[in-house]
Amino acid sequence: MVTLRVLRWEDLDGLVSFINSLVKEKLGDSRSGLYAGFDKKVTREEEAEWLAQTLVEIEGGEVINTIAEIGGRIIANGEVTRGRYKDTRRHGHMGLTMISEYRGLGIGRMIIETLVRESRRAGLRTLDVEFLAENETARRAYQKGGFKQAGIIPHKVFRDGKYFDGLIMAREL
């Protein structure tokens, strides 16, 4: 059974395992659908610094966060970051990562629906997301969540000697 909930300090060790499993996936498979980042394993101290900052941002209404866990194991993390400027405060940028064995099961869609609902409650009016254009699983999940293609950034990601396009999708709330 999947549990969706907000991130908390007690998740530190679970987050280190989660992030480092994504790093291992990306380093082991150049065709991984993972987007940018995940280039090297993180230490507990690095993750603690990220978690402390993120918890402050959640508390301050700058970030909306949801993690998914199964049997106490963190399998996905999704968040929306509110625009930083006065003019963009009603726009959010969404990001979502999931351990490969759980992709395509509808969990991402549940997280997207939760983040959309919470973004609306927080007063946001629009959301965007960006991922590898060839990531069909992500594309389907976001389409089901009401997102539509907004643009392509050609050759945004360079990995293992090959270029990949970035796909931007967006929706109104």
N, C-alpha and C. Protein backbone atom coordinates (compact mmCIF):
# COMPACT_ATOMS: atom_id res chain seq x y z
N MET A 1 0.84 -1.18 0.00
CA MET A 1 0.00 0.00 0.00
C MET A 1 0.88 1.25 0.00
N VAL A 2 0.50 2.22 -0.80
CA VAL A 2 1.26 3.47 -0.92
C VAL A 2 0.70 4.50 0.05
N THR A 3 1.59 5.15 0.77
CA THR A 3 1.22 6.27 1.63
C THR A 3 1.83 7.53 1.07
N LEU A 4 1.01 8.57 0.88
CA LEU A 4 1.51 9.88 0.48
C LEU A 4 1.46 10.78 1.70
N ARG A 5 2.55 11.51 1.92
CA ARG A 5 2.60 12.42 3.06
C ARG A 5 3.67 13.47 2.84
N VAL A 6 3.67 14.46 3.74
CA VAL A 6 4.66 15.53 3.68
C VAL A 6 5.97 15.03 4.28
N LEU A 7 7.04 15.53 3.75
CA LEU A 7 8.40 15.26 4.22
C LEU A 7 8.55 15.68 5.68
N ARG A 8 9.37 14.95 6.43
CA ARG A 8 9.67 15.33 7.81
C ARG A 8 11.13 14.99 8.13
N TRP A 9 11.64 15.57 9.21
CA TRP A 9 13.04 15.42 9.56
C TRP A 9 13.43 13.95 9.74
N GLU A 10 12.52 13.16 10.25
CA GLU A 10 12.80 11.73 10.51
C GLU A 10 13.04 10.95 9.21
N ASP A 11 12.78 11.55 8.07
CA ASP A 11 12.98 10.89 6.77
C ASP A 11 14.43 10.93 6.30
N LEU A 12 15.32 11.57 7.05
CA LEU A 12 16.68 11.80 6.57
C LEU A 12 17.34 10.53 6.04
N ASP A 13 17.40 9.47 6.82
CA ASP A 13 18.10 8.26 6.37
C ASP A 13 17.39 7.62 5.18
N GLY A 14 16.06 7.64 5.18
CA GLY A 14 15.31 7.11 4.05
C GLY A 14 15.55 7.91 2.78
N LEU A 15 15.71 9.22 2.93
CA LEU A 15 16.00 10.07 1.77
C LEU A 15 17.39 9.81 1.20
N VAL A 16 18.36 9.58 2.07
CA VAL A 16 19.71 9.26 1.60
C VAL A 16 19.66 7.98 0.76
N SER A 17 18.96 6.96 1.25
CA SER A 17 18.83 5.70 0.50
C SER A 17 18.11 5.93 -0.82
N PHE A 18 17.03 6.72 -0.78
CA PHE A 18 16.23 7.01 -1.97
C PHE A 18 17.09 7.71 -3.03
N ILE A 19 17.72 8.81 -2.65
CA ILE A 19 18.53 9.58 -3.60
C ILE A 19 19.67 8.72 -4.16
N ASN A 20 20.35 8.00 -3.29
CA ASN A 20 21.50 7.22 -3.76
C ASN A 20 21.08 6.05 -4.65
N SER A 21 19.86 5.54 -4.49
CA SER A 21 19.38 4.51 -5.41
C SER A 21 19.11 5.12 -6.79
N LEU A 22 18.65 6.38 -6.82
CA LEU A 22 18.44 7.06 -8.11
C LEU A 22 19.78 7.34 -8.79
N VAL A 23 20.79 7.73 -8.00
CA VAL A 23 22.13 7.96 -8.55
C VAL A 23 22.66 6.67 -9.17
N LYS A 24 22.49 5.56 -8.44
CA LYS A 24 22.96 4.26 -8.92
C LYS A 24 22.26 3.90 -10.23
N GLU A 25 20.96 4.14 -10.30
CA GLU A 25 20.20 3.86 -11.53
C GLU A 25 20.75 4.67 -12.70
N LYS A 26 20.91 5.98 -12.49
CA LYS A 26 21.35 6.85 -13.58
C LYS A 26 22.76 6.48 -14.04
N LEU A 27 23.66 6.23 -13.09
CA LEU A 27 25.04 5.90 -13.46
C LEU A 27 25.11 4.53 -14.14
N GLY A 28 24.17 3.64 -13.83
CA GLY A 28 24.19 2.29 -14.39
C GLY A 28 23.46 2.16 -15.71
N ASP A 29 22.68 3.18 -16.09
CA ASP A 29 21.88 3.08 -17.30
C ASP A 29 21.81 4.44 -17.99
N SER A 30 22.57 4.61 -19.05
CA SER A 30 22.61 5.90 -19.74
C SER A 30 21.27 6.25 -20.37
N ARG A 31 20.39 5.25 -20.54
CA ARG A 31 19.07 5.51 -21.11
C ARG A 31 18.04 5.81 -20.02
N SER A 32 18.47 5.93 -18.79
CA SER A 32 17.56 6.22 -17.69
C SER A 32 16.71 7.44 -18.00
N GLY A 33 15.45 7.39 -17.62
CA GLY A 33 14.55 8.51 -17.82
C GLY A 33 14.76 9.63 -16.83
N LEU A 34 15.67 9.44 -15.88
CA LEU A 34 15.93 10.48 -14.89
C LEU A 34 16.45 11.74 -15.58
N TYR A 35 16.00 12.87 -15.10
CA TYR A 35 16.38 14.14 -15.69
C TYR A 35 17.75 14.55 -15.17
N ALA A 36 17.99 15.83 -15.07
CA ALA A 36 19.30 16.33 -14.65
C ALA A 36 19.54 16.05 -13.16
N GLY A 37 20.78 16.12 -12.77
CA GLY A 37 21.13 15.85 -11.38
C GLY A 37 21.46 14.39 -11.20
N PHE A 38 21.50 13.95 -9.96
CA PHE A 38 21.77 12.55 -9.61
C PHE A 38 23.10 12.08 -10.19
N ASP A 39 24.11 12.97 -10.13
CA ASP A 39 25.41 12.65 -10.73
C ASP A 39 26.34 11.91 -9.78
N LYS A 40 26.16 12.13 -8.48
CA LYS A 40 27.02 11.43 -7.51
C LYS A 40 26.23 11.20 -6.24
N LYS A 41 26.63 10.15 -5.53
CA LYS A 41 25.95 9.82 -4.28
C LYS A 41 26.07 10.97 -3.29
N VAL A 42 25.05 11.13 -2.45
CA VAL A 42 25.08 12.19 -1.45
C VAL A 42 25.44 11.60 -0.09
N THR A 43 26.08 12.42 0.71
CA THR A 43 26.38 12.01 2.08
C THR A 43 25.19 12.34 2.96
N ARG A 44 25.16 11.78 4.13
CA ARG A 44 24.09 12.07 5.09
C ARG A 44 24.10 13.56 5.43
N GLU A 45 25.29 14.15 5.54
CA GLU A 45 25.40 15.58 5.87
C GLU A 45 24.84 16.45 4.76
N GLU A 46 25.15 16.10 3.50
CA GLU A 46 24.62 16.87 2.36
C GLU A 46 23.09 16.78 2.32
N GLU A 47 22.57 15.59 2.55
CA GLU A 47 21.12 15.41 2.52
C GLU A 47 20.46 16.12 3.70
N ALA A 48 21.13 16.12 4.85
CA ALA A 48 20.59 16.83 6.03
C ALA A 48 20.49 18.32 5.74
N GLU A 49 21.47 18.87 5.07
CA GLU A 49 21.46 20.29 4.70
C GLU A 49 20.29 20.57 3.75
N TRP A 50 20.11 19.72 2.74
CA TRP A 50 19.00 19.88 1.79
C TRP A 50 17.66 19.77 2.52
N LEU A 51 17.53 18.75 3.38
CA LEU A 51 16.27 18.52 4.09
C LEU A 51 15.94 19.68 5.02
N ALA A 52 16.92 20.19 5.74
CA ALA A 52 16.67 21.32 6.65
C ALA A 52 16.17 22.53 5.86
N GLN A 53 16.82 22.83 4.74
CA GLN A 53 16.40 23.96 3.88
C GLN A 53 15.00 23.74 3.32
N THR A 54 14.73 22.53 2.86
CA THR A 54 13.42 22.22 2.28
C THR A 54 12.32 22.32 3.32
N LEU A 55 12.57 21.84 4.53
CA LEU A 55 11.56 21.94 5.60
C LEU A 55 11.25 23.40 5.93
N VAL A 56 12.27 24.26 5.92
CA VAL A 56 12.06 25.69 6.13
C VAL A 56 11.19 26.26 5.00
N GLU A 57 11.48 25.85 3.77
CA GLU A 57 10.72 26.34 2.61
C GLU A 57 9.28 25.83 2.63
N ILE A 58 9.06 24.60 3.08
CA ILE A 58 7.70 24.07 3.21
C ILE A 58 6.95 24.89 4.26
N GLU A 59 7.58 25.10 5.40
CA GLU A 59 6.97 25.86 6.49
C GLU A 59 6.63 27.29 6.05
N GLY A 60 7.48 27.87 5.20
CA GLY A 60 7.27 29.24 4.74
C GLY A 60 6.36 29.36 3.52
N GLY A 61 5.81 28.23 3.06
CA GLY A 61 4.90 28.28 1.92
C GLY A 61 5.59 28.44 0.57
N GLU A 62 6.91 28.24 0.52
CA GLU A 62 7.66 28.37 -0.74
C GLU A 62 7.67 27.05 -1.51
N VAL A 63 7.49 25.94 -0.80
CA VAL A 63 7.54 24.62 -1.41
C VAL A 63 6.35 23.80 -0.90
N ILE A 64 5.75 23.04 -1.81
CA ILE A 64 4.72 22.06 -1.47
C ILE A 64 5.36 20.71 -1.77
N ASN A 65 5.35 19.80 -0.81
CA ASN A 65 6.08 18.55 -0.97
C ASN A 65 5.19 17.36 -0.63
N THR A 66 5.40 16.27 -1.35
CA THR A 66 4.74 14.99 -1.06
C THR A 66 5.75 13.88 -1.31
N ILE A 67 5.85 12.98 -0.35
CA ILE A 67 6.64 11.78 -0.62
C ILE A 67 5.68 10.59 -0.65
N ALA A 68 6.10 9.55 -1.36
CA ALA A 68 5.36 8.29 -1.38
C ALA A 68 6.23 7.24 -0.72
N GLU A 69 5.61 6.45 0.15
CA GLU A 69 6.37 5.36 0.77
C GLU A 69 5.54 4.08 0.74
N ILE A 70 6.25 3.00 0.68
CA ILE A 70 5.65 1.67 0.73
C ILE A 70 6.42 0.90 1.78
N GLY A 71 5.72 0.40 2.79
CA GLY A 71 6.37 -0.37 3.86
C GLY A 71 7.47 0.41 4.55
N GLY A 72 7.28 1.73 4.67
CA GLY A 72 8.28 2.57 5.33
C GLY A 72 9.43 2.99 4.45
N ARG A 73 9.48 2.52 3.20
CA ARG A 73 10.55 2.88 2.27
C ARG A 73 10.09 4.01 1.36
N ILE A 74 10.88 5.08 1.29
CA ILE A 74 10.56 6.19 0.39
C ILE A 74 10.83 5.74 -1.04
N ILE A 75 9.78 5.84 -1.88
CA ILE A 75 9.91 5.39 -3.27
C ILE A 75 9.75 6.53 -4.27
N ALA A 76 9.26 7.69 -3.79
CA ALA A 76 9.07 8.83 -4.69
C ALA A 76 9.03 10.12 -3.89
N ASN A 77 9.40 11.21 -4.56
CA ASN A 77 9.34 12.54 -3.96
C ASN A 77 8.88 13.52 -5.03
N GLY A 78 7.84 14.27 -4.70
CA GLY A 78 7.35 15.28 -5.63
C GLY A 78 7.23 16.61 -4.91
N GLU A 79 7.51 17.68 -5.64
CA GLU A 79 7.36 18.99 -5.02
C GLU A 79 7.04 20.05 -6.04
N VAL A 80 6.45 21.12 -5.54
CA VAL A 80 6.18 22.32 -6.33
C VAL A 80 6.89 23.46 -5.63
N THR A 81 7.69 24.20 -6.39
CA THR A 81 8.37 25.38 -5.86
C THR A 81 7.68 26.61 -6.39
N ARG A 82 7.24 27.45 -5.49
CA ARG A 82 6.55 28.70 -5.84
C ARG A 82 7.54 29.66 -6.48
N GLY A 83 7.05 30.45 -7.45
CA GLY A 83 7.88 31.47 -8.08
C GLY A 83 8.48 32.40 -7.03
N ARG A 84 9.71 32.80 -7.22
CA ARG A 84 10.46 33.56 -6.21
C ARG A 84 10.21 35.07 -6.27
N TYR A 85 9.70 35.54 -7.40
CA TYR A 85 9.53 36.98 -7.58
C TYR A 85 8.08 37.38 -7.35
N LYS A 86 7.87 38.64 -7.04
CA LYS A 86 6.52 39.15 -6.82
C LYS A 86 5.60 38.81 -8.01
N ASP A 87 6.13 38.95 -9.21
CA ASP A 87 5.35 38.71 -10.43
C ASP A 87 5.04 37.24 -10.67
N THR A 88 5.81 36.33 -10.08
CA THR A 88 5.64 34.89 -10.37
C THR A 88 5.17 34.10 -9.15
N ARG A 89 4.70 34.77 -8.12
CA ARG A 89 4.30 34.09 -6.88
C ARG A 89 3.12 33.13 -7.07
N ARG A 90 2.35 33.33 -8.13
CA ARG A 90 1.18 32.47 -8.36
C ARG A 90 1.47 31.33 -9.35
N HIS A 91 2.77 31.16 -9.67
CA HIS A 91 3.19 30.08 -10.57
C HIS A 91 4.10 29.13 -9.80
N GLY A 92 3.98 27.85 -10.10
CA GLY A 92 4.84 26.86 -9.46
C GLY A 92 5.51 25.96 -10.47
N HIS A 93 6.71 25.50 -10.10
CA HIS A 93 7.45 24.55 -10.92
C HIS A 93 7.43 23.20 -10.20
N MET A 94 6.94 22.17 -10.89
CA MET A 94 6.81 20.85 -10.29
C MET A 94 7.99 19.96 -10.67
N GLY A 95 8.38 19.11 -9.75
CA GLY A 95 9.40 18.10 -10.00
C GLY A 95 8.97 16.82 -9.32
N LEU A 96 9.30 15.67 -9.91
CA LEU A 96 8.90 14.38 -9.36
C LEU A 96 9.94 13.34 -9.73
N THR A 97 10.40 12.60 -8.74
CA THR A 97 11.33 11.49 -9.00
C THR A 97 10.81 10.24 -8.31
N MET A 98 11.06 9.10 -8.95
CA MET A 98 10.56 7.84 -8.42
C MET A 98 11.55 6.72 -8.72
N ILE A 99 11.68 5.80 -7.81
CA ILE A 99 12.52 4.62 -8.02
C ILE A 99 11.93 3.81 -9.18
N SER A 100 12.80 3.32 -10.06
CA SER A 100 12.37 2.73 -11.33
C SER A 100 11.34 1.61 -11.18
N GLU A 101 11.48 0.75 -10.20
CA GLU A 101 10.58 -0.40 -10.11
C GLU A 101 9.12 -0.02 -9.83
N TYR A 102 8.88 1.24 -9.44
CA TYR A 102 7.52 1.67 -9.11
C TYR A 102 6.92 2.57 -10.19
N ARG A 103 7.67 2.84 -11.25
CA ARG A 103 7.15 3.71 -12.32
C ARG A 103 6.10 2.98 -13.15
N GLY A 104 5.13 3.75 -13.64
CA GLY A 104 4.11 3.18 -14.50
C GLY A 104 2.97 2.49 -13.77
N LEU A 105 2.92 2.63 -12.44
CA LEU A 105 1.87 1.96 -11.65
C LEU A 105 0.77 2.91 -11.19
N GLY A 106 0.86 4.19 -11.59
CA GLY A 106 -0.16 5.15 -11.18
C GLY A 106 0.20 5.95 -9.93
N ILE A 107 1.34 5.65 -9.32
CA ILE A 107 1.76 6.36 -8.11
C ILE A 107 2.12 7.80 -8.44
N GLY A 108 2.82 7.98 -9.55
CA GLY A 108 3.18 9.34 -9.99
C GLY A 108 1.94 10.18 -10.22
N ARG A 109 0.92 9.57 -10.84
CA ARG A 109 -0.32 10.30 -11.08
C ARG A 109 -0.97 10.73 -9.76
N MET A 110 -0.93 9.85 -8.76
CA MET A 110 -1.48 10.20 -7.44
C MET A 110 -0.73 11.38 -6.84
N ILE A 111 0.59 11.38 -6.98
CA ILE A 111 1.40 12.48 -6.45
C ILE A 111 1.08 13.77 -7.20
N ILE A 112 0.99 13.67 -8.52
CA ILE A 112 0.67 14.85 -9.34
C ILE A 112 -0.68 15.43 -8.92
N GLU A 113 -1.69 14.57 -8.78
CA GLU A 113 -3.02 15.03 -8.36
C GLU A 113 -2.96 15.72 -7.00
N THR A 114 -2.20 15.15 -6.07
CA THR A 114 -2.05 15.74 -4.74
C THR A 114 -1.38 17.10 -4.82
N LEU A 115 -0.30 17.18 -5.59
CA LEU A 115 0.43 18.45 -5.71
C LEU A 115 -0.42 19.52 -6.42
N VAL A 116 -1.20 19.11 -7.42
CA VAL A 116 -2.09 20.06 -8.11
C VAL A 116 -3.12 20.61 -7.11
N ARG A 117 -3.74 19.70 -6.35
CA ARG A 117 -4.75 20.12 -5.37
C ARG A 117 -4.16 21.06 -4.32
N GLU A 118 -2.99 20.71 -3.79
CA GLU A 118 -2.35 21.53 -2.75
C GLU A 118 -1.85 22.86 -3.32
N SER A 119 -1.42 22.85 -4.57
CA SER A 119 -0.99 24.09 -5.23
C SER A 119 -2.16 25.06 -5.38
N ARG A 120 -3.29 24.51 -5.78
CA ARG A 120 -4.51 25.33 -5.90
C ARG A 120 -4.87 25.91 -4.54
N ARG A 121 -4.84 25.07 -3.50
CA ARG A 121 -5.15 25.53 -2.14
C ARG A 121 -4.19 26.62 -1.66
N ALA A 122 -2.95 26.56 -2.15
CA ALA A 122 -1.93 27.55 -1.76
C ALA A 122 -2.03 28.83 -2.60
N GLY A 123 -3.00 28.91 -3.51
CA GLY A 123 -3.20 30.12 -4.28
C GLY A 123 -2.46 30.20 -5.59
N LEU A 124 -1.83 29.09 -6.00
CA LEU A 124 -1.15 29.10 -7.30
C LEU A 124 -2.18 29.04 -8.42
N ARG A 125 -1.85 29.60 -9.56
CA ARG A 125 -2.76 29.63 -10.71
C ARG A 125 -2.26 28.78 -11.88
N THR A 126 -0.93 28.57 -11.96
CA THR A 126 -0.36 27.78 -13.05
C THR A 126 0.80 26.94 -12.52
N LEU A 127 1.07 25.85 -13.22
CA LEU A 127 2.19 24.97 -12.90
C LEU A 127 2.90 24.59 -14.19
N ASP A 128 4.21 24.37 -14.08
CA ASP A 128 4.94 23.79 -15.20
C ASP A 128 5.82 22.67 -14.67
N VAL A 129 6.24 21.82 -15.58
CA VAL A 129 7.14 20.72 -15.26
C VAL A 129 8.03 20.51 -16.47
N GLU A 130 9.24 20.04 -16.24
CA GLU A 130 10.17 19.79 -17.33
C GLU A 130 10.85 18.45 -17.09
N PHE A 131 10.96 17.65 -18.16
CA PHE A 131 11.61 16.34 -18.06
C PHE A 131 12.12 15.93 -19.44
N LEU A 132 12.80 14.79 -19.53
CA LEU A 132 13.32 14.33 -20.82
C LEU A 132 12.17 14.05 -21.77
N ALA A 133 12.24 14.59 -22.98
CA ALA A 133 11.15 14.46 -23.95
C ALA A 133 10.84 13.01 -24.27
N GLU A 134 11.81 12.14 -24.16
CA GLU A 134 11.55 10.73 -24.51
C GLU A 134 10.97 9.93 -23.34
N ASN A 135 10.74 10.56 -22.20
CA ASN A 135 10.19 9.87 -21.04
C ASN A 135 8.66 9.77 -21.17
N GLU A 136 8.22 8.72 -21.85
CA GLU A 136 6.79 8.54 -22.13
C GLU A 136 5.97 8.29 -20.86
N THR A 137 6.56 7.62 -19.89
CA THR A 137 5.83 7.36 -18.63
C THR A 137 5.49 8.68 -17.96
N ALA A 138 6.45 9.59 -17.89
CA ALA A 138 6.21 10.90 -17.28
C ALA A 138 5.19 11.68 -18.10
N ARG A 139 5.32 11.65 -19.41
CA ARG A 139 4.40 12.39 -20.29
C ARG A 139 2.96 11.94 -20.05
N ARG A 140 2.74 10.63 -20.01
CA ARG A 140 1.39 10.10 -19.78
C ARG A 140 0.85 10.53 -18.41
N ALA A 141 1.70 10.44 -17.38
CA ALA A 141 1.25 10.80 -16.03
C ALA A 141 0.84 12.27 -15.96
N TYR A 142 1.64 13.14 -16.56
CA TYR A 142 1.32 14.57 -16.52
C TYR A 142 0.09 14.89 -17.40
N GLN A 143 -0.05 14.22 -18.54
CA GLN A 143 -1.24 14.43 -19.37
C GLN A 143 -2.49 14.06 -18.59
N LYS A 144 -2.44 12.92 -17.88
CA LYS A 144 -3.58 12.51 -17.07
C LYS A 144 -3.85 13.52 -15.95
N GLY A 145 -2.81 14.24 -15.55
CA GLY A 145 -2.94 15.26 -14.52
C GLY A 145 -3.34 16.63 -15.07
N GLY A 146 -3.69 16.68 -16.36
CA GLY A 146 -4.19 17.92 -16.96
C GLY A 146 -3.13 18.81 -17.58
N PHE A 147 -1.89 18.34 -17.65
CA PHE A 147 -0.81 19.13 -18.26
C PHE A 147 -0.83 18.97 -19.77
N LYS A 148 -0.43 20.02 -20.47
CA LYS A 148 -0.31 20.00 -21.93
C LYS A 148 1.09 20.46 -22.31
N GLN A 149 1.58 19.94 -23.43
CA GLN A 149 2.92 20.32 -23.89
C GLN A 149 2.98 21.82 -24.13
N ALA A 150 4.01 22.46 -23.58
CA ALA A 150 4.20 23.90 -23.74
C ALA A 150 5.43 24.21 -24.57
N GLY A 151 6.36 23.27 -24.67
CA GLY A 151 7.56 23.54 -25.46
C GLY A 151 8.60 22.45 -25.34
N ILE A 152 9.56 22.53 -26.24
CA ILE A 152 10.71 21.61 -26.27
C ILE A 152 11.97 22.46 -26.23
N ILE A 153 12.92 22.05 -25.42
CA ILE A 153 14.24 22.68 -25.42
C ILE A 153 15.19 21.67 -26.07
N PRO A 154 15.57 21.93 -27.32
CA PRO A 154 16.43 20.97 -28.02
C PRO A 154 17.79 20.82 -27.34
N HIS A 155 18.22 19.58 -27.24
CA HIS A 155 19.57 19.25 -26.76
C HIS A 155 19.89 19.84 -25.39
N LYS A 156 18.92 19.92 -24.50
CA LYS A 156 19.17 20.52 -23.18
C LYS A 156 20.11 19.67 -22.34
N VAL A 157 19.96 18.36 -22.42
CA VAL A 157 20.75 17.44 -21.59
C VAL A 157 21.77 16.72 -22.46
N PHE A 158 23.02 16.70 -21.99
CA PHE A 158 24.08 15.97 -22.68
C PHE A 158 24.56 14.88 -21.73
N ARG A 159 24.35 13.62 -22.12
CA ARG A 159 24.67 12.49 -21.24
C ARG A 159 25.29 11.37 -22.06
N ASP A 160 26.42 10.91 -21.63
CA ASP A 160 27.09 9.78 -22.29
C ASP A 160 27.24 9.99 -23.79
N GLY A 161 27.66 11.21 -24.18
CA GLY A 161 27.95 11.50 -25.57
C GLY A 161 26.72 11.73 -26.44
N LYS A 162 25.54 11.84 -25.83
CA LYS A 162 24.31 12.01 -26.60
C LYS A 162 23.48 13.15 -26.02
N TYR A 163 22.81 13.88 -26.92
CA TYR A 163 21.92 14.96 -26.49
C TYR A 163 20.49 14.46 -26.35
N PHE A 164 19.79 15.04 -25.36
CA PHE A 164 18.38 14.74 -25.12
C PHE A 164 17.62 16.05 -25.03
N ASP A 165 16.42 16.07 -25.59
CA ASP A 165 15.59 17.26 -25.52
C ASP A 165 14.86 17.33 -24.18
N GLY A 166 14.64 18.54 -23.70
CA GLY A 166 13.80 18.75 -22.52
C GLY A 166 12.39 19.07 -22.97
N LEU A 167 11.41 18.50 -22.31
CA LEU A 167 10.00 18.76 -22.64
C LEU A 167 9.39 19.54 -21.49
N ILE A 168 8.72 20.64 -21.82
CA ILE A 168 8.02 21.44 -20.81
C ILE A 168 6.53 21.24 -20.99
N MET A 169 5.84 20.92 -19.91
CA MET A 169 4.39 20.83 -19.91
C MET A 169 3.87 21.81 -18.87
N ALA A 170 2.65 22.29 -19.07
CA ALA A 170 2.09 23.27 -18.13
C ALA A 170 0.58 23.09 -18.04
N ARG A 171 0.00 23.65 -16.98
CA ARG A 171 -1.45 23.65 -16.83
C ARG A 171 -1.90 24.81 -15.96
N GLU A 172 -3.14 25.20 -16.16
CA GLU A 172 -3.76 26.17 -15.28
C GLU A 172 -4.46 25.43 -14.17
N LEU A 173 -4.63 26.09 -13.04
CA LEU A 173 -5.30 25.45 -11.89
C LEU A 173 -6.70 26.00 -11.71
